[in-house]
Amino acid sequence: MEVEETYVLTSQMLGELAEKFNLFTALEPAPLLGVPTLMSTQMTTEQPFGPRAEMVVASILAMLGWVFFLTLLGLGFNALYLRMVGRHVIDETEMPFDGPRGLFGVWGQLLLFLLIVLVALCMFSTVAIAFMAFLSLLSFSLVGFVMMLLFSIVLFVAFHMVFAIPGMVQLRRSPLRAIRESFLIMRSDFLKTTFLVLLISVISRGFNVVWSLPDPGTWMNLIGIAGHAFVSTALTAALFVFYQERLSLISKPQEAQKAQETAVHPVAGE
């Protein structure tokens, strides 16, 4: 009897989730690193212009197909958005950078970056699942501890990759080089960089609570949508500015060292 009740309750929860889940969440791959979206994260069918249009997805394969299509489309929108933000940041800061590539260049870089992350995550997940399956034969208490440890490792790596997107956009870096430089920036001044990222995250999430206060079905919600877009864009620009300044500080000692080595080698050859 308890199994049947659990099954019915789970079915109802999944049905409600399927009814209110918005597939357009795929348009924003990560906070502050893509087009600001507020309504897509709210589990509601209401909007200021009336109930939102609904589409029946017949199967899981169809849903996966829509997720794949919307992800590609979202990367295109994000490429356009990040390119505009990056171009304005370089114009305002007057930094000697080439600036973003064309729209399709940024789009391709984002797609390649996403593929690298997904492949690395799949490989890590496969090894983690096999390792936890082995541990479950020894002790179930170790499985929970290892799961928390592996989750912490994933968060640690993701936290160190936060500047990879500005690197690909602002300096036209390849995804692997942008990831490497992002780790380098985080390691150069971990406390200040961590404080900035956490502060930006707290401001973003805090304001999202405020923007979500109006009823989604009222016109007041439009103020929240506009406010969310303004604040998120300002925070994204701040992240870009910090990346540019921090990278220039890191590159100066390296350039000085290379110049010194170049000047010493001819003397050593004599």
C-alpha atoms as a PDB file:
ATOM      1  CA  MET A   1       0.000   0.000   0.000  1.00  0.00           C
ATOM      2  CA  GLU A   2       2.784   2.381   0.856  1.00  0.00           C
ATOM      3  CA  VAL A   3       4.505   1.560  -2.434  1.00  0.00           C
ATOM      4  CA  GLU A   4       1.334   2.422  -4.369  1.00  0.00           C
ATOM      5  CA  GLU A   5       0.915   5.728  -2.514  1.00  0.00           C
ATOM      6  CA  THR A   6       4.543   6.598  -3.166  1.00  0.00           C
ATOM      7  CA  TYR A   7       4.109   5.767  -6.849  1.00  0.00           C
ATOM      8  CA  VAL A   8       0.964   7.924  -7.137  1.00  0.00           C
ATOM      9  CA  LEU A   9       2.604  10.844  -5.302  1.00  0.00           C
ATOM     10  CA  THR A  10       5.707  10.626  -7.481  1.00  0.00           C
ATOM     11  CA  SER A  11       3.575  10.524 -10.635  1.00  0.00           C
ATOM     12  CA  GLN A  12       1.663  13.623  -9.529  1.00  0.00           C
ATOM     13  CA  MET A  13       4.888  15.507  -8.771  1.00  0.00           C
ATOM     14  CA  LEU A  14       6.396  14.571 -12.134  1.00  0.00           C
ATOM     15  CA  GLY A  15       3.190  15.540 -13.901  1.00  0.00           C
ATOM     16  CA  GLU A  16       3.116  18.953 -12.236  1.00  0.00           C
ATOM     17  CA  LEU A  17       6.809  19.451 -13.018  1.00  0.00           C
ATOM     18  CA  ALA A  18       6.260  18.536 -16.659  1.00  0.00           C
ATOM     19  CA  GLU A  19       3.308  20.930 -16.873  1.00  0.00           C
ATOM     20  CA  LYS A  20       5.138  23.944 -15.416  1.00  0.00           C
ATOM     21  CA  PHE A  21       8.718  23.278 -16.496  1.00  0.00           C
ATOM     22  CA  ASN A  22       9.932  25.780 -19.050  1.00  0.00           C
ATOM     23  CA  LEU A  23      12.254  24.356 -21.698  1.00  0.00           C
ATOM     24  CA  PHE A  24      13.515  27.874 -22.401  1.00  0.00           C
ATOM     25  CA  THR A  25      15.749  27.509 -19.351  1.00  0.00           C
ATOM     26  CA  ALA A  26      18.171  25.992 -21.877  1.00  0.00           C
ATOM     27  CA  LEU A  27      18.670  29.507 -23.276  1.00  0.00           C
ATOM     28  CA  GLU A  28      20.683  30.488 -20.182  1.00  0.00           C
ATOM     29  CA  PRO A  29      23.485  27.955 -19.585  1.00  0.00           C
ATOM     30  CA  ALA A  30      24.867  29.709 -16.498  1.00  0.00           C
ATOM     31  CA  PRO A  31      24.071  32.798 -14.389  1.00  0.00           C
ATOM     32  CA  LEU A  32      25.937  35.994 -15.392  1.00  0.00           C
ATOM     33  CA  LEU A  33      27.423  34.216 -18.406  1.00  0.00           C
ATOM     34  CA  GLY A  34      24.487  34.424 -20.766  1.00  0.00           C
ATOM     35  CA  VAL A  35      21.271  36.208 -21.652  1.00  0.00           C
ATOM     36  CA  PRO A  36      19.474  37.209 -18.402  1.00  0.00           C
ATOM     37  CA  THR A  37      16.256  35.227 -18.034  1.00  0.00           C
ATOM     38  CA  LEU A  38      13.897  35.544 -15.080  1.00  0.00           C
ATOM     39  CA  MET A  39      10.616  33.932 -16.088  1.00  0.00           C
ATOM     40  CA  SER A  40      12.207  30.742 -17.418  1.00  0.00           C
ATOM     41  CA  THR A  41      13.316  29.748 -13.909  1.00  0.00           C
ATOM     42  CA  GLN A  42       9.898  30.282 -12.320  1.00  0.00           C
ATOM     43  CA  MET A  43       7.667  27.237 -12.086  1.00  0.00           C
ATOM     44  CA  THR A  44       4.527  28.964 -13.303  1.00  0.00           C
ATOM     45  CA  THR A  45       2.375  29.085 -16.429  1.00  0.00           C
ATOM     46  CA  GLU A  46       1.331  32.709 -15.866  1.00  0.00           C
ATOM     47  CA  GLN A  47       2.891  35.774 -17.466  1.00  0.00           C
ATOM     48  CA  PRO A  48       1.961  39.464 -17.851  1.00  0.00           C
ATOM     49  CA  PHE A  49       0.561  38.880 -21.338  1.00  0.00           C
ATOM     50  CA  GLY A  50      -1.696  36.043 -20.201  1.00  0.00           C
ATOM     51  CA  PRO A  51      -1.140  32.306 -19.776  1.00  0.00           C
ATOM     52  CA  ARG A  52       1.935  31.219 -21.692  1.00  0.00           C
ATOM     53  CA  ALA A  53       1.616  29.008 -24.722  1.00  0.00           C
ATOM     54  CA  GLU A  54       2.077  25.327 -24.038  1.00  0.00           C
ATOM     55  CA  MET A  55       3.377  22.563 -26.257  1.00  0.00           C
ATOM     56  CA  VAL A  56       2.782  18.884 -25.675  1.00  0.00           C
ATOM     57  CA  VAL A  57       5.940  16.794 -25.980  1.00  0.00           C
ATOM     58  CA  ALA A  58       4.968  13.274 -26.983  1.00  0.00           C
ATOM     59  CA  SER A  59       8.040  11.401 -25.810  1.00  0.00           C
ATOM     60  CA  ILE A  60      11.334  11.684 -23.992  1.00  0.00           C
ATOM     61  CA  LEU A  61      13.200  11.596 -27.315  1.00  0.00           C
ATOM     62  CA  ALA A  62      11.180  14.566 -28.534  1.00  0.00           C
ATOM     63  CA  MET A  63      11.941  16.428 -25.324  1.00  0.00           C
ATOM     64  CA  LEU A  64      15.666  15.695 -25.719  1.00  0.00           C
ATOM     65  CA  GLY A  65      15.452  16.932 -29.287  1.00  0.00           C
ATOM     66  CA  TRP A  66      13.877  20.198 -28.162  1.00  0.00           C
ATOM     67  CA  VAL A  67      16.479  20.592 -25.404  1.00  0.00           C
ATOM     68  CA  PHE A  68      19.266  20.071 -27.961  1.00  0.00           C
ATOM     69  CA  PHE A  69      17.721  22.572 -30.391  1.00  0.00           C
ATOM     70  CA  LEU A  70      17.057  25.193 -27.711  1.00  0.00           C
ATOM     71  CA  THR A  71      20.573  24.754 -26.315  1.00  0.00           C
ATOM     72  CA  LEU A  72      22.083  25.484 -29.728  1.00  0.00           C
ATOM     73  CA  LEU A  73      19.718  28.421 -30.171  1.00  0.00           C
ATOM     74  CA  GLY A  74      20.527  29.638 -26.664  1.00  0.00           C
ATOM     75  CA  LEU A  75      24.256  29.530 -27.387  1.00  0.00           C
ATOM     76  CA  GLY A  76      23.580  31.752 -30.388  1.00  0.00           C
ATOM     77  CA  PHE A  77      21.665  34.291 -28.295  1.00  0.00           C
ATOM     78  CA  ASN A  78      24.351  34.138 -25.604  1.00  0.00           C
ATOM     79  CA  ALA A  79      27.081  34.685 -28.204  1.00  0.00           C
ATOM     80  CA  LEU A  80      25.302  37.806 -29.438  1.00  0.00           C
ATOM     81  CA  TYR A  81      24.725  39.069 -25.892  1.00  0.00           C
ATOM     82  CA  LEU A  82      28.256  38.379 -24.625  1.00  0.00           C
ATOM     83  CA  ARG A  83      29.768  39.859 -27.778  1.00  0.00           C
ATOM     84  CA  MET A  84      27.862  43.120 -27.259  1.00  0.00           C
ATOM     85  CA  VAL A  85      28.786  43.290 -23.552  1.00  0.00           C
ATOM     86  CA  GLY A  86      32.426  42.481 -24.273  1.00  0.00           C
ATOM     87  CA  ARG A  87      32.673  45.077 -27.030  1.00  0.00           C
ATOM     88  CA  HIS A  88      31.197  47.814 -24.817  1.00  0.00           C
ATOM     89  CA  VAL A  89      33.506  46.882 -21.919  1.00  0.00           C
ATOM     90  CA  ILE A  90      36.592  47.167 -24.131  1.00  0.00           C
ATOM     91  CA  ASP A  91      35.390  50.495 -25.558  1.00  0.00           C
ATOM     92  CA  GLU A  92      34.766  51.933 -22.101  1.00  0.00           C
ATOM     93  CA  THR A  93      37.964  50.623 -20.464  1.00  0.00           C
ATOM     94  CA  GLU A  94      40.107  51.329 -23.567  1.00  0.00           C
ATOM     95  CA  MET A  95      42.079  48.132 -23.030  1.00  0.00           C
ATOM     96  CA  PRO A  96      44.440  47.094 -25.874  1.00  0.00           C
ATOM     97  CA  PHE A  97      42.521  43.921 -26.686  1.00  0.00           C
ATOM     98  CA  ASP A  98      41.296  42.745 -30.072  1.00  0.00           C
ATOM     99  CA  GLY A  99      37.827  42.243 -28.709  1.00  0.00           C
ATOM    100  CA  PRO A 100      35.278  39.561 -29.525  1.00  0.00           C
ATOM    101  CA  ARG A 101      35.211  37.648 -32.789  1.00  0.00           C
ATOM    102  CA  GLY A 102      32.210  37.766 -35.063  1.00  0.00           C
ATOM    103  CA  LEU A 103      28.915  36.318 -33.936  1.00  0.00           C
ATOM    104  CA  PHE A 104      29.498  32.881 -35.446  1.00  0.00           C
ATOM    105  CA  GLY A 105      33.057  32.796 -34.075  1.00  0.00           C
ATOM    106  CA  VAL A 106      31.864  33.376 -30.518  1.00  0.00           C
ATOM    107  CA  TRP A 107      29.009  30.931 -31.087  1.00  0.00           C
ATOM    108  CA  GLY A 108      31.445  28.235 -32.197  1.00  0.00           C
ATOM    109  CA  GLN A 109      33.736  28.858 -29.217  1.00  0.00           C
ATOM    110  CA  LEU A 110      30.836  28.535 -26.790  1.00  0.00           C
ATOM    111  CA  LEU A 111      29.699  25.314 -28.460  1.00  0.00           C
ATOM    112  CA  LEU A 112      33.222  23.849 -28.295  1.00  0.00           C
ATOM    113  CA  PHE A 113      33.511  24.897 -24.648  1.00  0.00           C
ATOM    114  CA  LEU A 114      30.192  23.202 -23.856  1.00  0.00           C
ATOM    115  CA  LEU A 115      31.319  19.998 -25.574  1.00  0.00           C
ATOM    116  CA  ILE A 116      34.588  19.970 -23.611  1.00  0.00           C
ATOM    117  CA  VAL A 117      32.718  20.429 -20.333  1.00  0.00           C
ATOM    118  CA  LEU A 118      30.168  17.716 -21.173  1.00  0.00           C
ATOM    119  CA  VAL A 119      32.835  15.209 -22.216  1.00  0.00           C
ATOM    120  CA  ALA A 120      34.880  15.885 -19.081  1.00  0.00           C
ATOM    121  CA  LEU A 121      31.768  15.620 -16.927  1.00  0.00           C
ATOM    122  CA  CYS A 122      30.720  12.323 -18.534  1.00  0.00           C
ATOM    123  CA  MET A 123      34.188  10.834 -18.043  1.00  0.00           C
ATOM    124  CA  PHE A 124      34.291  12.007 -14.440  1.00  0.00           C
ATOM    125  CA  SER A 125      30.767  10.693 -13.781  1.00  0.00           C
ATOM    126  CA  THR A 126      31.592   7.283 -15.267  1.00  0.00           C
ATOM    127  CA  VAL A 127      34.665   6.876 -13.082  1.00  0.00           C
ATOM    128  CA  ALA A 128      32.780   8.200 -10.024  1.00  0.00           C
ATOM    129  CA  ILE A 129      29.849   5.806 -10.501  1.00  0.00           C
ATOM    130  CA  ALA A 130      32.170   2.822 -10.925  1.00  0.00           C
ATOM    131  CA  PHE A 131      34.138   3.825  -7.843  1.00  0.00           C
ATOM    132  CA  MET A 132      31.007   4.271  -5.713  1.00  0.00           C
ATOM    133  CA  ALA A 133      29.642   0.926  -6.930  1.00  0.00           C
ATOM    134  CA  PHE A 134      32.837  -0.694  -5.699  1.00  0.00           C
ATOM    135  CA  LEU A 135      32.620   1.123  -2.364  1.00  0.00           C
ATOM    136  CA  SER A 136      29.003   0.027  -1.903  1.00  0.00           C
ATOM    137  CA  LEU A 137      30.270  -3.546  -1.704  1.00  0.00           C
ATOM    138  CA  LEU A 138      32.457  -2.561   1.229  1.00  0.00           C
ATOM    139  CA  SER A 139      30.471   0.026   3.174  1.00  0.00           C
ATOM    140  CA  PHE A 140      27.377   2.111   2.399  1.00  0.00           C
ATOM    141  CA  SER A 141      28.533   4.812   4.818  1.00  0.00           C
ATOM    142  CA  LEU A 142      31.542   5.499   2.618  1.00  0.00           C
ATOM    143  CA  VAL A 143      29.334   6.047  -0.436  1.00  0.00           C
ATOM    144  CA  GLY A 144      27.673   9.151   1.048  1.00  0.00           C
ATOM    145  CA  PHE A 145      31.010  10.610   2.103  1.00  0.00           C
ATOM    146  CA  VAL A 146      32.545   9.986  -1.327  1.00  0.00           C
ATOM    147  CA  MET A 147      29.513  11.528  -3.062  1.00  0.00           C
ATOM    148  CA  MET A 148      29.925  14.718  -1.024  1.00  0.00           C
ATOM    149  CA  LEU A 149      33.649  14.731  -1.773  1.00  0.00           C
ATOM    150  CA  LEU A 150      33.127  14.299  -5.517  1.00  0.00           C
ATOM    151  CA  PHE A 151      30.433  16.988  -5.548  1.00  0.00           C
ATOM    152  CA  SER A 152      32.853  19.352  -3.796  1.00  0.00           C
ATOM    153  CA  ILE A 153      35.486  18.618  -6.440  1.00  0.00           C
ATOM    154  CA  VAL A 154      33.019  19.433  -9.228  1.00  0.00           C
ATOM    155  CA  LEU A 155      32.073  22.721  -7.545  1.00  0.00           C
ATOM    156  CA  PHE A 156      35.750  23.565  -7.016  1.00  0.00           C
ATOM    157  CA  VAL A 157      36.573  23.017 -10.691  1.00  0.00           C
ATOM    158  CA  ALA A 158      33.464  24.876 -11.888  1.00  0.00           C
ATOM    159  CA  PHE A 159      34.312  27.786  -9.595  1.00  0.00           C
ATOM    160  CA  HIS A 160      37.798  28.024 -11.123  1.00  0.00           C
ATOM    161  CA  MET A 161      36.355  28.053 -14.661  1.00  0.00           C
ATOM    162  CA  VAL A 162      34.227  31.166 -14.145  1.00  0.00           C
ATOM    163  CA  PHE A 163      36.632  33.375 -16.143  1.00  0.00           C
ATOM    164  CA  ALA A 164      36.849  31.034 -19.135  1.00  0.00           C
ATOM    165  CA  ILE A 165      33.914  32.728 -20.889  1.00  0.00           C
ATOM    166  CA  PRO A 166      35.410  36.270 -20.619  1.00  0.00           C
ATOM    167  CA  GLY A 167      38.685  34.851 -21.927  1.00  0.00           C
ATOM    168  CA  MET A 168      37.047  33.390 -25.032  1.00  0.00           C
ATOM    169  CA  VAL A 169      35.024  36.551 -25.650  1.00  0.00           C
ATOM    170  CA  GLN A 170      37.462  39.343 -24.807  1.00  0.00           C
ATOM    171  CA  LEU A 171      40.795  37.857 -25.868  1.00  0.00           C
ATOM    172  CA  ARG A 172      39.631  35.328 -28.460  1.00  0.00           C
ATOM    173  CA  ARG A 173      41.239  32.518 -26.496  1.00  0.00           C
ATOM    174  CA  SER A 174      40.656  28.891 -27.363  1.00  0.00           C
ATOM    175  CA  PRO A 175      38.491  27.087 -24.790  1.00  0.00           C
ATOM    176  CA  LEU A 176      41.403  25.118 -23.315  1.00  0.00           C
ATOM    177  CA  ARG A 177      43.623  28.191 -23.012  1.00  0.00           C
ATOM    178  CA  ALA A 178      40.747  30.205 -21.537  1.00  0.00           C
ATOM    179  CA  ILE A 179      40.209  27.482 -18.930  1.00  0.00           C
ATOM    180  CA  ARG A 180      43.910  27.410 -18.073  1.00  0.00           C
ATOM    181  CA  GLU A 181      44.052  31.202 -17.670  1.00  0.00           C
ATOM    182  CA  SER A 182      40.889  31.135 -15.562  1.00  0.00           C
ATOM    183  CA  PHE A 183      42.591  28.729 -13.150  1.00  0.00           C
ATOM    184  CA  LEU A 184      45.673  30.975 -13.188  1.00  0.00           C
ATOM    185  CA  ILE A 185      43.630  34.060 -12.272  1.00  0.00           C
ATOM    186  CA  MET A 186      41.893  32.246  -9.434  1.00  0.00           C
ATOM    187  CA  ARG A 187      45.216  30.979  -8.075  1.00  0.00           C
ATOM    188  CA  SER A 188      46.973  34.359  -8.360  1.00  0.00           C
ATOM    189  CA  ASP A 189      44.757  35.983  -5.711  1.00  0.00           C
ATOM    190  CA  PHE A 190      42.314  33.388  -4.494  1.00  0.00           C
ATOM    191  CA  LEU A 191      40.788  35.380  -1.617  1.00  0.00           C
ATOM    192  CA  LYS A 192      39.992  38.557  -3.561  1.00  0.00           C
ATOM    193  CA  THR A 193      38.772  36.687  -6.605  1.00  0.00           C
ATOM    194  CA  THR A 194      36.617  34.380  -4.515  1.00  0.00           C
ATOM    195  CA  PHE A 195      35.173  37.336  -2.616  1.00  0.00           C
ATOM    196  CA  LEU A 196      34.282  39.096  -5.878  1.00  0.00           C
ATOM    197  CA  VAL A 197      32.602  36.031  -7.399  1.00  0.00           C
ATOM    198  CA  LEU A 198      30.666  35.306  -4.208  1.00  0.00           C
ATOM    199  CA  LEU A 199      29.646  38.969  -3.879  1.00  0.00           C
ATOM    200  CA  ILE A 200      28.379  39.064  -7.457  1.00  0.00           C
ATOM    201  CA  SER A 201      26.484  35.802  -6.888  1.00  0.00           C
ATOM    202  CA  VAL A 202      24.896  37.079  -3.672  1.00  0.00           C
ATOM    203  CA  ILE A 203      23.853  40.365  -5.323  1.00  0.00           C
ATOM    204  CA  SER A 204      22.413  38.514  -8.309  1.00  0.00           C
ATOM    205  CA  ARG A 205      20.486  35.969  -6.242  1.00  0.00           C
ATOM    206  CA  GLY A 206      19.354  38.575  -3.738  1.00  0.00           C
ATOM    207  CA  PHE A 207      17.913  40.829  -6.417  1.00  0.00           C
ATOM    208  CA  ASN A 208      16.294  37.842  -8.106  1.00  0.00           C
ATOM    209  CA  VAL A 209      14.237  37.351  -4.947  1.00  0.00           C
ATOM    210  CA  VAL A 210      13.098  40.975  -5.203  1.00  0.00           C
ATOM    211  CA  TRP A 211      12.330  40.739  -8.930  1.00  0.00           C
ATOM    212  CA  SER A 212      10.278  37.584  -8.313  1.00  0.00           C
ATOM    213  CA  LEU A 213       8.035  39.179  -5.666  1.00  0.00           C
ATOM    214  CA  PRO A 214       5.336  40.499  -8.061  1.00  0.00           C
ATOM    215  CA  ASP A 215       2.669  38.086  -9.204  1.00  0.00           C
ATOM    216  CA  PRO A 216       3.871  36.546 -12.502  1.00  0.00           C
ATOM    217  CA  GLY A 217       0.485  37.238 -14.051  1.00  0.00           C
ATOM    218  CA  THR A 218       0.519  41.021 -13.384  1.00  0.00           C
ATOM    219  CA  TRP A 219       2.123  43.886 -15.293  1.00  0.00           C
ATOM    220  CA  MET A 220       4.298  44.628 -12.243  1.00  0.00           C
ATOM    221  CA  ASN A 221       6.318  41.584 -13.192  1.00  0.00           C
ATOM    222  CA  LEU A 222       7.617  43.498 -16.224  1.00  0.00           C
ATOM    223  CA  ILE A 223       9.486  45.775 -13.807  1.00  0.00           C
ATOM    224  CA  GLY A 224      11.140  42.725 -12.304  1.00  0.00           C
ATOM    225  CA  ILE A 225      12.125  41.412 -15.738  1.00  0.00           C
ATOM    226  CA  ALA A 226      13.642  44.775 -16.728  1.00  0.00           C
ATOM    227  CA  GLY A 227      15.413  45.141 -13.374  1.00  0.00           C
ATOM    228  CA  HIS A 228      16.810  41.615 -13.599  1.00  0.00           C
ATOM    229  CA  ALA A 229      18.169  42.284 -17.092  1.00  0.00           C
ATOM    230  CA  PHE A 230      19.794  45.584 -16.016  1.00  0.00           C
ATOM    231  CA  VAL A 231      21.443  44.230 -12.848  1.00  0.00           C
ATOM    232  CA  SER A 232      22.602  40.986 -14.485  1.00  0.00           C
ATOM    233  CA  THR A 233      24.160  42.864 -17.397  1.00  0.00           C
ATOM    234  CA  ALA A 234      25.941  45.251 -15.012  1.00  0.00           C
ATOM    235  CA  LEU A 235      27.325  42.333 -12.979  1.00  0.00           C
ATOM    236  CA  THR A 236      28.449  40.523 -16.138  1.00  0.00           C
ATOM    237  CA  ALA A 237      30.256  43.673 -17.280  1.00  0.00           C
ATOM    238  CA  ALA A 238      31.914  43.947 -13.843  1.00  0.00           C
ATOM    239  CA  LEU A 239      33.118  40.355 -14.186  1.00  0.00           C
ATOM    240  CA  PHE A 240      34.587  41.186 -17.610  1.00  0.00           C
ATOM    241  CA  VAL A 241      36.338  44.303 -16.296  1.00  0.00           C
ATOM    242  CA  PHE A 242      37.849  42.401 -13.380  1.00  0.00           C
ATOM    243  CA  TYR A 243      39.067  39.683 -15.748  1.00  0.00           C
ATOM    244  CA  GLN A 244      40.789  42.210 -18.014  1.00  0.00           C
ATOM    245  CA  GLU A 245      42.534  44.036 -15.187  1.00  0.00           C
ATOM    246  CA  ARG A 246      43.575  40.874 -13.359  1.00  0.00           C
ATOM    247  CA  LEU A 247      44.928  39.279 -16.528  1.00  0.00           C
ATOM    248  CA  SER A 248      46.939  42.406 -17.379  1.00  0.00           C
ATOM    249  CA  LEU A 249      48.497  42.342 -13.893  1.00  0.00           C
ATOM    250  CA  ILE A 250      49.436  38.695 -14.318  1.00  0.00           C
ATOM    251  CA  SER A 251      50.874  39.142 -17.814  1.00  0.00           C
ATOM    252  CA  LYS A 252      53.169  42.077 -16.900  1.00  0.00           C
ATOM    253  CA  PRO A 253      55.567  40.059 -14.668  1.00  0.00           C
ATOM    254  CA  GLN A 254      55.633  37.288 -17.273  1.00  0.00           C
ATOM    255  CA  GLU A 255      56.516  39.749 -20.049  1.00  0.00           C
ATOM    256  CA  ALA A 256      59.219  41.322 -17.883  1.00  0.00           C
ATOM    257  CA  GLN A 257      60.700  37.898 -17.164  1.00  0.00           C
ATOM    258  CA  LYS A 258      60.745  36.987 -20.853  1.00  0.00           C
ATOM    259  CA  ALA A 259      62.431  40.300 -21.712  1.00  0.00           C
ATOM    260  CA  GLN A 260      65.050  39.703 -19.018  1.00  0.00           C
ATOM    261  CA  GLU A 261      65.743  36.193 -20.283  1.00  0.00           C
ATOM    262  CA  THR A 262      66.075  37.508 -23.839  1.00  0.00           C
ATOM    263  CA  ALA A 263      68.565  40.128 -22.709  1.00  0.00           C
ATOM    264  CA  VAL A 264      70.629  37.617 -20.691  1.00  0.00           C
ATOM    265  CA  HIS A 265      70.980  34.910 -23.352  1.00  0.00           C
ATOM    266  CA  PRO A 266      73.184  36.906 -25.776  1.00  0.00           C
ATOM    267  CA  VAL A 267      75.554  37.796 -22.934  1.00  0.00           C
ATOM    268  CA  ALA A 268      75.732  34.163 -21.895  1.00  0.00           C
ATOM    269  CA  GLY A 269      76.538  33.148 -25.468  1.00  0.00           C
ATOM    270  CA  GLU A 270      79.521  35.474 -25.618  1.00  0.00           C
END
